[in-house]
């Protein structure tokens, strides 16, 4: 049934032209990893720290869940399972790892679905966010890179993780001293997932020419990324709570400054430091280490730098006086005014006579 739906969508896509396909390609962009990270970082740094922490925690949990399910199911992509399916354009380049469940859909369920389930947001905004989630999920089917089963599972698991994240955030708010305990349990789970992905066996199927259809070791790369991101969030989250404590209750100028400097430095880290760490460490360790650095910068290192910079800047402004400096002091002899002698004229005899008699 899944492939029948994909083939029907493909036939419609071929007849409808590129307009709808191009639109849905832009919608699928909203579910890509870098898009999700940038949106969450902006919210975390400059809009609402609490809401951003909630999104980042849910996203890290979703990446871990997605990685476990992918290497457990080992479902091949639609075009590998059925040669009649041809993905649209270059959408195949965004399809990494195994097929089940859809990672793009789970990203959308985090960033946009995470807002849609928040009752403190306006109804119109929640409906809009929900529509975006549905469009991202449908775009993966329409472009031919996921089956409906993949996207439906991604949507359900993604929203379930976000619902659990709401409960976790409430629990941490009621027991702030237990944040290290919760982070420790999360890191232990991430390590267990990494070990599971590294030691398990993967299917080895070959085509008619004897070529391996799918390399399981390469497919597990997405799982190792999720482990690195999840571990980095938990470590950075605790470090920020314990040693930084930055706030988003700031002026608009500070918000703009944070977003600008934060994104520029994030891209510098992603383009320079992340590849360096990945090349420094072998195999899966390089993948996990590079992703760890990426999210640790978002959750801890940039907030630390931003708070210190803002503190030093505020201190510098306080040192500046709006009044001109006082002139150099001078001696009394230099500043004394010339003495002036005042002599009151004597009143006239007539006035003196009438001054006291009435």
C-alpha atoms as a PDB file:
ATOM      1  CA  UNK A   1       0.000   0.000   0.000  1.00  0.00           C
ATOM      2  CA  UNK A   2       2.852   2.412   0.859  1.00  0.00           C
ATOM      3  CA  UNK A   3       4.419   2.008  -2.565  1.00  0.00           C
ATOM      4  CA  UNK A   4       1.052   2.335  -4.280  1.00  0.00           C
ATOM      5  CA  UNK A   5       0.611   5.747  -2.619  1.00  0.00           C
ATOM      6  CA  UNK A   6       4.133   6.826  -3.597  1.00  0.00           C
ATOM      7  CA  UNK A   7       3.594   5.766  -7.204  1.00  0.00           C
ATOM      8  CA  UNK A   8       0.272   7.643  -7.334  1.00  0.00           C
ATOM      9  CA  UNK A   9       1.944  10.772  -5.930  1.00  0.00           C
ATOM     10  CA  UNK A  10       4.778  10.379  -8.422  1.00  0.00           C
ATOM     11  CA  UNK A  11       2.363  10.159 -11.329  1.00  0.00           C
ATOM     12  CA  UNK A  12       0.520  13.242 -10.103  1.00  0.00           C
ATOM     13  CA  UNK A  13       3.840  15.058  -9.590  1.00  0.00           C
ATOM     14  CA  UNK A  14       4.950  14.315 -13.133  1.00  0.00           C
ATOM     15  CA  UNK A  15       1.713  15.666 -14.535  1.00  0.00           C
ATOM     16  CA  UNK A  16       1.329  18.671 -12.242  1.00  0.00           C
ATOM     17  CA  UNK A  17       4.645  20.266 -13.122  1.00  0.00           C
ATOM     18  CA  UNK A  18       7.332  21.635 -10.884  1.00  0.00           C
ATOM     19  CA  UNK A  19       5.390  24.293  -8.973  1.00  0.00           C
ATOM     20  CA  UNK A  20       3.989  22.094  -6.203  1.00  0.00           C
ATOM     21  CA  UNK A  21       7.154  19.998  -6.045  1.00  0.00           C
ATOM     22  CA  UNK A  22       9.311  23.106  -5.651  1.00  0.00           C
ATOM     23  CA  UNK A  23       7.010  24.420  -2.925  1.00  0.00           C
ATOM     24  CA  UNK A  24       7.200  21.159  -1.004  1.00  0.00           C
ATOM     25  CA  UNK A  25      10.979  21.092  -1.481  1.00  0.00           C
ATOM     26  CA  UNK A  26      11.049  24.379   0.419  1.00  0.00           C
ATOM     27  CA  UNK A  27       8.795  22.896   3.084  1.00  0.00           C
ATOM     28  CA  UNK A  28      11.109  19.911   3.504  1.00  0.00           C
ATOM     29  CA  UNK A  29      13.929  22.425   4.093  1.00  0.00           C
ATOM     30  CA  UNK A  30      12.177  23.391   7.339  1.00  0.00           C
ATOM     31  CA  UNK A  31      12.748  19.843   8.582  1.00  0.00           C
ATOM     32  CA  UNK A  32      16.476  19.717   7.869  1.00  0.00           C
ATOM     33  CA  UNK A  33      18.909  19.448  10.755  1.00  0.00           C
ATOM     34  CA  UNK A  34      20.719  22.759  10.294  1.00  0.00           C
ATOM     35  CA  UNK A  35      17.422  24.613   9.928  1.00  0.00           C
ATOM     36  CA  UNK A  36      16.134  23.092  13.156  1.00  0.00           C
ATOM     37  CA  UNK A  37      19.355  23.883  15.040  1.00  0.00           C
ATOM     38  CA  UNK A  38      19.415  27.517  13.888  1.00  0.00           C
ATOM     39  CA  UNK A  39      15.762  28.121  14.800  1.00  0.00           C
ATOM     40  CA  UNK A  40      16.176  26.568  18.245  1.00  0.00           C
ATOM     41  CA  UNK A  41      19.422  28.461  18.871  1.00  0.00           C
ATOM     42  CA  UNK A  42      17.812  31.814  18.075  1.00  0.00           C
ATOM     43  CA  UNK A  43      14.929  31.098  20.447  1.00  0.00           C
ATOM     44  CA  UNK A  44      17.274  29.841  23.176  1.00  0.00           C
ATOM     45  CA  UNK A  45      19.705  32.753  22.933  1.00  0.00           C
ATOM     46  CA  UNK A  46      17.437  35.728  22.379  1.00  0.00           C
ATOM     47  CA  UNK A  47      13.703  34.971  22.618  1.00  0.00           C
ATOM     48  CA  UNK A  48      12.937  32.639  25.528  1.00  0.00           C
ATOM     49  CA  UNK A  49      15.569  30.590  27.292  1.00  0.00           C
ATOM     50  CA  UNK A  50      12.971  28.286  28.859  1.00  0.00           C
ATOM     51  CA  UNK A  51      11.167  27.625  25.581  1.00  0.00           C
ATOM     52  CA  UNK A  52      14.469  27.148  23.774  1.00  0.00           C
ATOM     53  CA  UNK A  53      15.652  24.667  26.424  1.00  0.00           C
ATOM     54  CA  UNK A  54      12.399  22.746  26.007  1.00  0.00           C
ATOM     55  CA  UNK A  55      12.849  22.549  22.235  1.00  0.00           C
ATOM     56  CA  UNK A  56      16.504  21.549  22.470  1.00  0.00           C
ATOM     57  CA  UNK A  57      15.779  18.878  25.068  1.00  0.00           C
ATOM     58  CA  UNK A  58      12.948  17.444  22.984  1.00  0.00           C
ATOM     59  CA  UNK A  59      15.046  17.569  19.824  1.00  0.00           C
ATOM     60  CA  UNK A  60      17.978  15.756  21.441  1.00  0.00           C
ATOM     61  CA  UNK A  61      15.579  13.066  22.662  1.00  0.00           C
ATOM     62  CA  UNK A  62      14.041  12.798  19.215  1.00  0.00           C
ATOM     63  CA  UNK A  63      17.447  12.431  17.548  1.00  0.00           C
ATOM     64  CA  UNK A  64      18.293   9.597  19.940  1.00  0.00           C
ATOM     65  CA  UNK A  65      14.948   7.879  19.376  1.00  0.00           C
ATOM     66  CA  UNK A  66      15.260   8.307  15.618  1.00  0.00           C
ATOM     67  CA  UNK A  67      18.739   6.762  15.651  1.00  0.00           C
ATOM     68  CA  UNK A  68      17.631   3.723  17.659  1.00  0.00           C
ATOM     69  CA  UNK A  69      14.635   3.075  15.416  1.00  0.00           C
ATOM     70  CA  UNK A  70      16.634   3.495  12.206  1.00  0.00           C
ATOM     71  CA  UNK A  71      19.344   0.969  13.077  1.00  0.00           C
ATOM     72  CA  UNK A  72      16.778  -1.417  14.565  1.00  0.00           C
ATOM     73  CA  UNK A  73      14.405  -1.463  11.604  1.00  0.00           C
ATOM     74  CA  UNK A  74      17.103  -1.133   8.912  1.00  0.00           C
ATOM     75  CA  UNK A  75      14.415  -0.207   6.366  1.00  0.00           C
ATOM     76  CA  UNK A  76      15.809   0.605   2.921  1.00  0.00           C
ATOM     77  CA  UNK A  77      14.809   3.749   1.086  1.00  0.00           C
ATOM     78  CA  UNK A  78      11.796   3.529  -1.254  1.00  0.00           C
ATOM     79  CA  UNK A  79      13.788   3.695  -4.507  1.00  0.00           C
ATOM     80  CA  UNK A  80      15.992   0.813  -3.339  1.00  0.00           C
ATOM     81  CA  UNK A  81      13.000  -1.358  -2.502  1.00  0.00           C
ATOM     82  CA  UNK A  82      11.102  -0.481  -5.683  1.00  0.00           C
ATOM     83  CA  UNK A  83      12.968   0.689  -8.779  1.00  0.00           C
ATOM     84  CA  UNK A  84       9.811   2.337 -10.164  1.00  0.00           C
ATOM     85  CA  UNK A  85      10.053   5.081  -7.556  1.00  0.00           C
ATOM     86  CA  UNK A  86      12.167   8.038  -8.684  1.00  0.00           C
ATOM     87  CA  UNK A  87      12.758  10.828  -6.115  1.00  0.00           C
ATOM     88  CA  UNK A  88      12.190  14.385  -7.309  1.00  0.00           C
ATOM     89  CA  UNK A  89      15.174  16.507  -8.316  1.00  0.00           C
ATOM     90  CA  UNK A  90      18.043  16.481  -5.861  1.00  0.00           C
ATOM     91  CA  UNK A  91      15.847  15.567  -2.883  1.00  0.00           C
ATOM     92  CA  UNK A  92      17.740  12.285  -2.661  1.00  0.00           C
ATOM     93  CA  UNK A  93      20.725  14.217  -1.265  1.00  0.00           C
ATOM     94  CA  UNK A  94      18.725  15.021   1.887  1.00  0.00           C
ATOM     95  CA  UNK A  95      17.844  11.348   2.434  1.00  0.00           C
ATOM     96  CA  UNK A  96      20.606   9.970   4.655  1.00  0.00           C
ATOM     97  CA  UNK A  97      20.544   6.843   6.777  1.00  0.00           C
ATOM     98  CA  UNK A  98      17.837   4.223   6.817  1.00  0.00           C
ATOM     99  CA  UNK A  99      14.279   5.128   5.881  1.00  0.00           C
ATOM    100  CA  UNK A 100      12.222   4.344   9.005  1.00  0.00           C
ATOM    101  CA  UNK A 101      11.261   6.658  10.661  1.00  0.00           C
ATOM    102  CA  UNK A 102      11.516  10.012   8.883  1.00  0.00           C
ATOM    103  CA  UNK A 103      14.123  12.248  10.514  1.00  0.00           C
ATOM    104  CA  UNK A 104      12.814  15.393   8.791  1.00  0.00           C
ATOM    105  CA  UNK A 105       9.349  14.713  10.189  1.00  0.00           C
ATOM    106  CA  UNK A 106      10.736  14.223  13.689  1.00  0.00           C
ATOM    107  CA  UNK A 107      12.703  17.471  13.415  1.00  0.00           C
ATOM    108  CA  UNK A 108       9.533  19.288  12.383  1.00  0.00           C
ATOM    109  CA  UNK A 109       7.619  17.599  15.211  1.00  0.00           C
ATOM    110  CA  UNK A 110      10.202  19.041  17.599  1.00  0.00           C
ATOM    111  CA  UNK A 111      10.580  22.617  16.377  1.00  0.00           C
ATOM    112  CA  UNK A 112       7.057  23.286  15.129  1.00  0.00           C
ATOM    113  CA  UNK A 113       5.056  20.527  16.809  1.00  0.00           C
ATOM    114  CA  UNK A 114       6.717  21.425  20.094  1.00  0.00           C
ATOM    115  CA  UNK A 115       5.135  24.863  19.795  1.00  0.00           C
ATOM    116  CA  UNK A 116       1.808  23.501  18.582  1.00  0.00           C
ATOM    117  CA  UNK A 117       1.276  21.574  21.826  1.00  0.00           C
ATOM    118  CA  UNK A 118       2.064  24.565  24.037  1.00  0.00           C
ATOM    119  CA  UNK A 119      -1.152  26.048  25.392  1.00  0.00           C
ATOM    120  CA  UNK A 120       0.586  29.306  26.310  1.00  0.00           C
ATOM    121  CA  UNK A 121       0.876  30.205  22.610  1.00  0.00           C
ATOM    122  CA  UNK A 122      -1.980  31.748  20.646  1.00  0.00           C
ATOM    123  CA  UNK A 123      -4.424  29.449  18.913  1.00  0.00           C
ATOM    124  CA  UNK A 124      -3.644  30.896  15.476  1.00  0.00           C
ATOM    125  CA  UNK A 125       0.089  30.332  15.959  1.00  0.00           C
ATOM    126  CA  UNK A 126      -0.444  26.772  17.183  1.00  0.00           C
ATOM    127  CA  UNK A 127      -2.589  25.949  14.155  1.00  0.00           C
ATOM    128  CA  UNK A 128       0.039  27.436  11.829  1.00  0.00           C
ATOM    129  CA  UNK A 129       2.802  25.398  13.462  1.00  0.00           C
ATOM    130  CA  UNK A 130       0.701  22.240  13.187  1.00  0.00           C
ATOM    131  CA  UNK A 131       0.129  22.844   9.464  1.00  0.00           C
ATOM    132  CA  UNK A 132       3.885  23.223   8.945  1.00  0.00           C
ATOM    133  CA  UNK A 133       4.493  19.841  10.603  1.00  0.00           C
ATOM    134  CA  UNK A 134       1.952  18.156   8.331  1.00  0.00           C
ATOM    135  CA  UNK A 135       3.394  19.814   5.214  1.00  0.00           C
ATOM    136  CA  UNK A 136       6.953  18.761   6.088  1.00  0.00           C
ATOM    137  CA  UNK A 137       5.797  15.165   6.606  1.00  0.00           C
ATOM    138  CA  UNK A 138       3.796  15.140   3.362  1.00  0.00           C
ATOM    139  CA  UNK A 139       6.699  16.670   1.440  1.00  0.00           C
ATOM    140  CA  UNK A 140       8.834  13.616   2.196  1.00  0.00           C
ATOM    141  CA  UNK A 141       6.211  11.395   0.581  1.00  0.00           C
ATOM    142  CA  UNK A 142       5.557  13.689  -2.350  1.00  0.00           C
ATOM    143  CA  UNK A 143       9.267  13.949  -3.158  1.00  0.00           C
ATOM    144  CA  UNK A 144       9.586  10.167  -3.072  1.00  0.00           C
ATOM    145  CA  UNK A 145      12.167   9.808  -0.292  1.00  0.00           C
ATOM    146  CA  UNK A 146       9.941   8.310   2.447  1.00  0.00           C
ATOM    147  CA  UNK A 147       6.925   6.042   2.613  1.00  0.00           C
ATOM    148  CA  UNK A 148       3.758   7.155   4.435  1.00  0.00           C
ATOM    149  CA  UNK A 149       4.652   4.626   7.133  1.00  0.00           C
ATOM    150  CA  UNK A 150       7.988   6.394   7.682  1.00  0.00           C
ATOM    151  CA  UNK A 151       6.465   9.833   8.063  1.00  0.00           C
ATOM    152  CA  UNK A 152       3.502   8.699  10.160  1.00  0.00           C
ATOM    153  CA  UNK A 153       5.820   6.918  12.586  1.00  0.00           C
ATOM    154  CA  UNK A 154       8.124   9.935  12.678  1.00  0.00           C
ATOM    155  CA  UNK A 155       5.189  12.222  13.455  1.00  0.00           C
ATOM    156  CA  UNK A 156       3.802  10.016  16.234  1.00  0.00           C
ATOM    157  CA  UNK A 157       7.169   9.318  17.884  1.00  0.00           C
ATOM    158  CA  UNK A 158       8.230  12.954  17.548  1.00  0.00           C
ATOM    159  CA  UNK A 159       5.090  14.296  19.207  1.00  0.00           C
ATOM    160  CA  UNK A 160       5.263  11.630  21.912  1.00  0.00           C
ATOM    161  CA  UNK A 161       8.823  12.669  22.779  1.00  0.00           C
ATOM    162  CA  UNK A 162       7.761  16.327  22.972  1.00  0.00           C
ATOM    163  CA  UNK A 163       4.878  15.426  25.294  1.00  0.00           C
ATOM    164  CA  UNK A 164       7.322  13.573  27.539  1.00  0.00           C
ATOM    165  CA  UNK A 165       9.681  16.548  27.386  1.00  0.00           C
ATOM    166  CA  UNK A 166       6.958  18.822  28.760  1.00  0.00           C
ATOM    167  CA  UNK A 167       6.666  16.524  31.785  1.00  0.00           C
ATOM    168  CA  UNK A 168      10.439  16.375  32.222  1.00  0.00           C
ATOM    169  CA  UNK A 169      10.762  20.155  32.154  1.00  0.00           C
ATOM    170  CA  UNK A 170       8.033  20.478  34.787  1.00  0.00           C
ATOM    171  CA  UNK A 171       9.783  17.870  36.949  1.00  0.00           C
ATOM    172  CA  UNK A 172      13.113  19.690  36.682  1.00  0.00           C
ATOM    173  CA  UNK A 173      11.425  22.994  37.552  1.00  0.00           C
ATOM    174  CA  UNK A 174      10.040  21.365  40.711  1.00  0.00           C
ATOM    175  CA  UNK A 175      13.360  19.629  41.532  1.00  0.00           C
ATOM    176  CA  UNK A 176      16.120  21.900  40.148  1.00  0.00           C
ATOM    177  CA  UNK A 177      18.780  20.189  42.250  1.00  0.00           C
ATOM    178  CA  UNK A 178      18.242  16.936  40.325  1.00  0.00           C
ATOM    179  CA  UNK A 179      19.242  18.274  36.907  1.00  0.00           C
ATOM    180  CA  UNK A 180      22.587  16.449  37.107  1.00  0.00           C
ATOM    181  CA  UNK A 181      20.806  13.178  37.848  1.00  0.00           C
ATOM    182  CA  UNK A 182      18.527  13.570  34.840  1.00  0.00           C
ATOM    183  CA  UNK A 183      21.414  14.546  32.569  1.00  0.00           C
ATOM    184  CA  UNK A 184      23.457  11.592  33.807  1.00  0.00           C
ATOM    185  CA  UNK A 185      20.659   9.159  32.973  1.00  0.00           C
ATOM    186  CA  UNK A 186      20.316  10.743  29.518  1.00  0.00           C
ATOM    187  CA  UNK A 187      24.048  10.518  28.804  1.00  0.00           C
ATOM    188  CA  UNK A 188      24.050   6.868  29.917  1.00  0.00           C
ATOM    189  CA  UNK A 189      21.205   6.150  27.485  1.00  0.00           C
ATOM    190  CA  UNK A 190      23.097   7.907  24.695  1.00  0.00           C
ATOM    191  CA  UNK A 191      26.215   5.831  25.372  1.00  0.00           C
ATOM    192  CA  UNK A 192      24.099   2.660  25.351  1.00  0.00           C
ATOM    193  CA  UNK A 193      22.645   3.634  21.966  1.00  0.00           C
ATOM    194  CA  UNK A 194      26.150   4.237  20.577  1.00  0.00           C
ATOM    195  CA  UNK A 195      27.316   0.815  21.755  1.00  0.00           C
ATOM    196  CA  UNK A 196      24.195  -0.821  20.337  1.00  0.00           C
ATOM    197  CA  UNK A 197      24.684   0.800  16.931  1.00  0.00           C
ATOM    198  CA  UNK A 198      28.368  -0.137  16.885  1.00  0.00           C
ATOM    199  CA  UNK A 199      28.061  -3.823  17.750  1.00  0.00           C
ATOM    200  CA  UNK A 200      24.803  -4.876  16.086  1.00  0.00           C
ATOM    201  CA  UNK A 201      24.777  -6.617  12.710  1.00  0.00           C
ATOM    202  CA  UNK A 202      23.271  -5.028   9.619  1.00  0.00           C
ATOM    203  CA  UNK A 203      21.610  -6.656   6.594  1.00  0.00           C
ATOM    204  CA  UNK A 204      23.836  -7.258   3.574  1.00  0.00           C
ATOM    205  CA  UNK A 205      21.836  -7.432   0.359  1.00  0.00           C
ATOM    206  CA  UNK A 206      23.369  -7.336  -3.101  1.00  0.00           C
ATOM    207  CA  UNK A 207      22.072  -6.375  -6.528  1.00  0.00           C
ATOM    208  CA  UNK A 208      22.299  -8.472  -9.672  1.00  0.00           C
ATOM    209  CA  UNK A 209      25.858  -7.300 -10.279  1.00  0.00           C
ATOM    210  CA  UNK A 210      26.980  -8.318  -6.808  1.00  0.00           C
ATOM    211  CA  UNK A 211      27.196  -4.799  -5.393  1.00  0.00           C
ATOM    212  CA  UNK A 212      26.158  -4.133  -1.808  1.00  0.00           C
ATOM    213  CA  UNK A 213      22.845  -2.269  -1.855  1.00  0.00           C
ATOM    214  CA  UNK A 214      23.224  -0.502   1.477  1.00  0.00           C
ATOM    215  CA  UNK A 215      26.265  -0.186   3.735  1.00  0.00           C
ATOM    216  CA  UNK A 216      24.964  -0.582   7.274  1.00  0.00           C
ATOM    217  CA  UNK A 217      28.007   1.090   8.808  1.00  0.00           C
ATOM    218  CA  UNK A 218      27.329   4.252   6.804  1.00  0.00           C
ATOM    219  CA  UNK A 219      23.615   4.121   7.599  1.00  0.00           C
ATOM    220  CA  UNK A 220      24.445   4.075  11.329  1.00  0.00           C
ATOM    221  CA  UNK A 221      26.211   7.419  10.954  1.00  0.00           C
ATOM    222  CA  UNK A 222      22.950   9.284  11.661  1.00  0.00           C
ATOM    223  CA  UNK A 223      22.608   7.366  14.919  1.00  0.00           C
ATOM    224  CA  UNK A 224      26.092   8.391  16.061  1.00  0.00           C
ATOM    225  CA  UNK A 225      25.257  12.002  15.217  1.00  0.00           C
ATOM    226  CA  UNK A 226      22.189  11.785  17.424  1.00  0.00           C
ATOM    227  CA  UNK A 227      24.280  10.400  20.277  1.00  0.00           C
ATOM    228  CA  UNK A 228      26.719  13.318  20.022  1.00  0.00           C
ATOM    229  CA  UNK A 229      23.980  15.938  19.854  1.00  0.00           C
ATOM    230  CA  UNK A 230      22.017  14.430  22.752  1.00  0.00           C
ATOM    231  CA  UNK A 231      25.074  14.131  24.995  1.00  0.00           C
ATOM    232  CA  UNK A 232      26.165  17.675  24.168  1.00  0.00           C
ATOM    233  CA  UNK A 233      22.788  19.156  25.010  1.00  0.00           C
ATOM    234  CA  UNK A 234      22.596  17.410  28.383  1.00  0.00           C
ATOM    235  CA  UNK A 235      26.138  18.391  29.374  1.00  0.00           C
ATOM    236  CA  UNK A 236      25.784  21.963  28.092  1.00  0.00           C
ATOM    237  CA  UNK A 237      22.359  22.359  29.692  1.00  0.00           C
ATOM    238  CA  UNK A 238      23.663  21.441  33.151  1.00  0.00           C
ATOM    239  CA  UNK A 239      26.825  23.554  32.780  1.00  0.00           C
ATOM    240  CA  UNK A 240      24.790  26.590  31.739  1.00  0.00           C
ATOM    241  CA  UNK A 241      22.363  26.151  34.649  1.00  0.00           C
ATOM    242  CA  UNK A 242      25.165  25.740  37.184  1.00  0.00           C
ATOM    243  CA  UNK A 243      27.821  28.198  35.992  1.00  0.00           C
ATOM    244  CA  UNK A 244      26.308  30.713  33.556  1.00  0.00           C
ATOM    245  CA  UNK A 245      22.633  31.423  34.203  1.00  0.00           C
ATOM    246  CA  UNK A 246      22.131  33.806  31.278  1.00  0.00           C
ATOM    247  CA  UNK A 247      18.783  35.511  30.725  1.00  0.00           C
ATOM    248  CA  UNK A 248      16.664  36.421  27.715  1.00  0.00           C
ATOM    249  CA  UNK A 249      14.993  39.273  29.598  1.00  0.00           C
ATOM    250  CA  UNK A 250      17.058  41.797  27.656  1.00  0.00           C
ATOM    251  CA  UNK A 251      16.646  44.789  25.343  1.00  0.00           C
ATOM    252  CA  UNK A 252      15.898  44.480  21.644  1.00  0.00           C
ATOM    253  CA  UNK A 253      19.390  45.713  20.796  1.00  0.00           C
ATOM    254  CA  UNK A 254      20.909  42.950  22.912  1.00  0.00           C
ATOM    255  CA  UNK A 255      18.674  40.371  21.244  1.00  0.00           C
ATOM    256  CA  UNK A 256      19.767  41.469  17.775  1.00  0.00           C
ATOM    257  CA  UNK A 257      23.400  41.511  18.862  1.00  0.00           C
ATOM    258  CA  UNK A 258      23.158  38.020  20.320  1.00  0.00           C
ATOM    259  CA  UNK A 259      21.524  36.563  17.223  1.00  0.00           C
ATOM    260  CA  UNK A 260      24.016  38.205  14.867  1.00  0.00           C
ATOM    261  CA  UNK A 261      27.156  37.280  16.782  1.00  0.00           C
ATOM    262  CA  UNK A 262      25.748  33.888  17.725  1.00  0.00           C
ATOM    263  CA  UNK A 263      24.931  32.801  14.184  1.00  0.00           C
ATOM    264  CA  UNK A 264      28.180  34.107  12.738  1.00  0.00           C
ATOM    265  CA  UNK A 265      30.228  32.305  15.373  1.00  0.00           C
ATOM    266  CA  UNK A 266      28.070  29.168  15.047  1.00  0.00           C
ATOM    267  CA  UNK A 267      28.800  28.967  11.335  1.00  0.00           C
ATOM    268  CA  UNK A 268      32.489  29.532  12.040  1.00  0.00           C
ATOM    269  CA  UNK A 269      32.434  26.638  14.500  1.00  0.00           C
ATOM    270  CA  UNK A 270      30.508  24.460  12.022  1.00  0.00           C
ATOM    271  CA  UNK A 271      32.846  25.234   9.123  1.00  0.00           C
ATOM    272  CA  UNK A 272      36.171  25.136  10.981  1.00  0.00           C
ATOM    273  CA  UNK A 273      36.075  23.425  14.362  1.00  0.00           C
ATOM    274  CA  UNK A 274      33.532  20.681  13.599  1.00  0.00           C
ATOM    275  CA  UNK A 275      35.430  19.301  10.553  1.00  0.00           C
ATOM    276  CA  UNK A 276      38.689  19.556  12.509  1.00  0.00           C
ATOM    277  CA  UNK A 277      37.318  17.431  15.375  1.00  0.00           C
ATOM    278  CA  UNK A 278      35.792  14.951  12.938  1.00  0.00           C
ATOM    279  CA  UNK A 279      39.117  14.533  11.168  1.00  0.00           C
ATOM    280  CA  UNK A 280      41.014  14.292  14.434  1.00  0.00           C
ATOM    281  CA  UNK A 281      39.028  11.328  15.765  1.00  0.00           C
ATOM    282  CA  UNK A 282      38.523   8.086  13.808  1.00  0.00           C
ATOM    283  CA  UNK A 283      35.208   6.671  12.613  1.00  0.00           C
ATOM    284  CA  UNK A 284      32.151   6.941  14.842  1.00  0.00           C
ATOM    285  CA  UNK A 285      34.147   8.780  17.528  1.00  0.00           C
ATOM    286  CA  UNK A 286      34.801  11.611  15.052  1.00  0.00           C
ATOM    287  CA  UNK A 287      31.117  11.809  14.153  1.00  0.00           C
ATOM    288  CA  UNK A 288      29.999  11.918  17.787  1.00  0.00           C
ATOM    289  CA  UNK A 289      32.778  14.305  18.822  1.00  0.00           C
ATOM    290  CA  UNK A 290      32.103  16.813  16.045  1.00  0.00           C
ATOM    291  CA  UNK A 291      28.362  16.841  16.756  1.00  0.00           C
ATOM    292  CA  UNK A 292      29.079  17.171  20.478  1.00  0.00           C
ATOM    293  CA  UNK A 293      31.143  20.310  19.867  1.00  0.00           C
ATOM    294  CA  UNK A 294      28.437  21.781  17.634  1.00  0.00           C
ATOM    295  CA  UNK A 295      25.609  21.610  20.189  1.00  0.00           C
ATOM    296  CA  UNK A 296      27.824  22.300  23.213  1.00  0.00           C
ATOM    297  CA  UNK A 297      28.619  25.632  21.585  1.00  0.00           C
ATOM    298  CA  UNK A 298      24.912  26.412  21.200  1.00  0.00           C
ATOM    299  CA  UNK A 299      23.878  25.414  24.709  1.00  0.00           C
ATOM    300  CA  UNK A 300      26.860  26.461  26.843  1.00  0.00           C
ATOM    301  CA  UNK A 301      29.869  28.078  25.182  1.00  0.00           C
ATOM    302  CA  UNK A 302      28.084  30.894  23.348  1.00  0.00           C
ATOM    303  CA  UNK A 303      25.832  31.792  26.327  1.00  0.00           C
ATOM    304  CA  UNK A 304      28.968  31.906  28.487  1.00  0.00           C
ATOM    305  CA  UNK A 305      30.781  34.210  26.058  1.00  0.00           C
ATOM    306  CA  UNK A 306      27.701  36.375  25.482  1.00  0.00           C
ATOM    307  CA  UNK A 307      27.083  36.913  29.199  1.00  0.00           C
ATOM    308  CA  UNK A 308      30.701  37.855  29.886  1.00  0.00           C
ATOM    309  CA  UNK A 309      30.828  40.193  26.902  1.00  0.00           C
ATOM    310  CA  UNK A 310      27.593  41.900  27.926  1.00  0.00           C
ATOM    311  CA  UNK A 311      28.820  42.225  31.505  1.00  0.00           C
ATOM    312  CA  UNK A 312      32.092  43.821  30.414  1.00  0.00           C
ATOM    313  CA  UNK A 313      30.248  46.124  28.027  1.00  0.00           C
ATOM    314  CA  UNK A 314      27.862  47.256  30.764  1.00  0.00           C
ATOM    315  CA  UNK A 315      30.803  47.856  33.087  1.00  0.00           C
ATOM    316  CA  UNK A 316      32.467  49.966  30.416  1.00  0.00           C
ATOM    317  CA  UNK A 317      29.373  52.109  29.978  1.00  0.00           C
ATOM    318  CA  UNK A 318      29.164  52.672  33.708  1.00  0.00           C
ATOM    319  CA  UNK A 319      32.728  53.982  33.671  1.00  0.00           C
ATOM    320  CA  UNK A 320      31.802  56.668  31.186  1.00  0.00           C
ATOM    321  CA  UNK A 321      30.458  59.985  32.655  1.00  0.00           C
ATOM    322  CA  UNK A 322      27.931  62.126  30.893  1.00  0.00           C
ATOM    323  CA  UNK A 323      29.342  65.232  32.592  1.00  0.00           C
ATOM    324  CA  UNK A 324      32.489  67.064  31.419  1.00  0.00           C
ATOM    325  CA  UNK A 325      35.606  66.601  33.481  1.00  0.00           C
ATOM    326  CA  UNK A 326      36.288  69.232  36.154  1.00  0.00           C
ATOM    327  CA  UNK A 327      39.048  71.767  35.349  1.00  0.00           C
ATOM    328  CA  UNK A 328      42.355  71.433  37.143  1.00  0.00           C
ATOM    329  CA  UNK A 329      42.360  72.808  40.675  1.00  0.00           C
ATOM    330  CA  UNK A 330      43.955  76.217  41.202  1.00  0.00           C
ATOM    331  CA  UNK A 331      45.297  77.950  44.288  1.00  0.00           C
ATOM    332  CA  UNK A 332      43.237  80.428  46.254  1.00  0.00           C
ATOM    333  CA  UNK A 333      45.516  83.243  45.171  1.00  0.00           C
ATOM    334  CA  UNK A 334      44.870  82.377  41.519  1.00  0.00           C
ATOM    335  CA  UNK A 335      41.153  82.107  41.901  1.00  0.00           C
ATOM    336  CA  UNK A 336      40.403  84.882  44.405  1.00  0.00           C
ATOM    337  CA  UNK A 337      38.241  87.655  43.087  1.00  0.00           C
ATOM    338  CA  UNK A 338      39.547  91.195  43.481  1.00  0.00           C
ATOM    339  CA  UNK A 339      38.229  92.768  46.650  1.00  0.00           C
ATOM    340  CA  UNK A 340      35.631  95.490  46.262  1.00  0.00           C
ATOM    341  CA  UNK A 341      34.957  98.083  48.955  1.00  0.00           C
ATOM    342  CA  UNK A 342      31.358  99.115  49.417  1.00  0.00           C
ATOM    343  CA  UNK A 343      30.544 102.395  51.245  1.00  0.00           C
ATOM    344  CA  UNK A 344      26.931 103.143  51.948  1.00  0.00           C
ATOM    345  CA  UNK A 345      26.130 106.801  51.296  1.00  0.00           C
ATOM    346  CA  UNK A 346      24.755 108.762  54.250  1.00  0.00           C
ATOM    347  CA  UNK A 347      21.080 109.589  54.006  1.00  0.00           C
ATOM    348  CA  UNK A 348      20.063 113.158  53.456  1.00  0.00           C
ATOM    349  CA  UNK A 349      18.995 115.135  56.565  1.00  0.00           C
ATOM    350  CA  UNK A 350      15.398 115.326  55.399  1.00  0.00           C
ATOM    351  CA  UNK A 351      15.135 111.589  54.800  1.00  0.00           C
ATOM    352  CA  UNK A 352      16.841 110.782  58.089  1.00  0.00           C
ATOM    353  CA  UNK A 353      14.333 112.955  59.910  1.00  0.00           C
ATOM    354  CA  UNK A 354      11.321 111.248  58.385  1.00  0.00           C
ATOM    355  CA  UNK A 355      12.599 107.717  58.508  1.00  0.00           C
ATOM    356  CA  UNK A 356      11.517 106.999  62.118  1.00  0.00           C
ATOM    357  CA  UNK A 357       8.671 109.362  62.691  1.00  0.00           C
ATOM    358  CA  UNK A 358       5.225 108.362  61.516  1.00  0.00           C
END
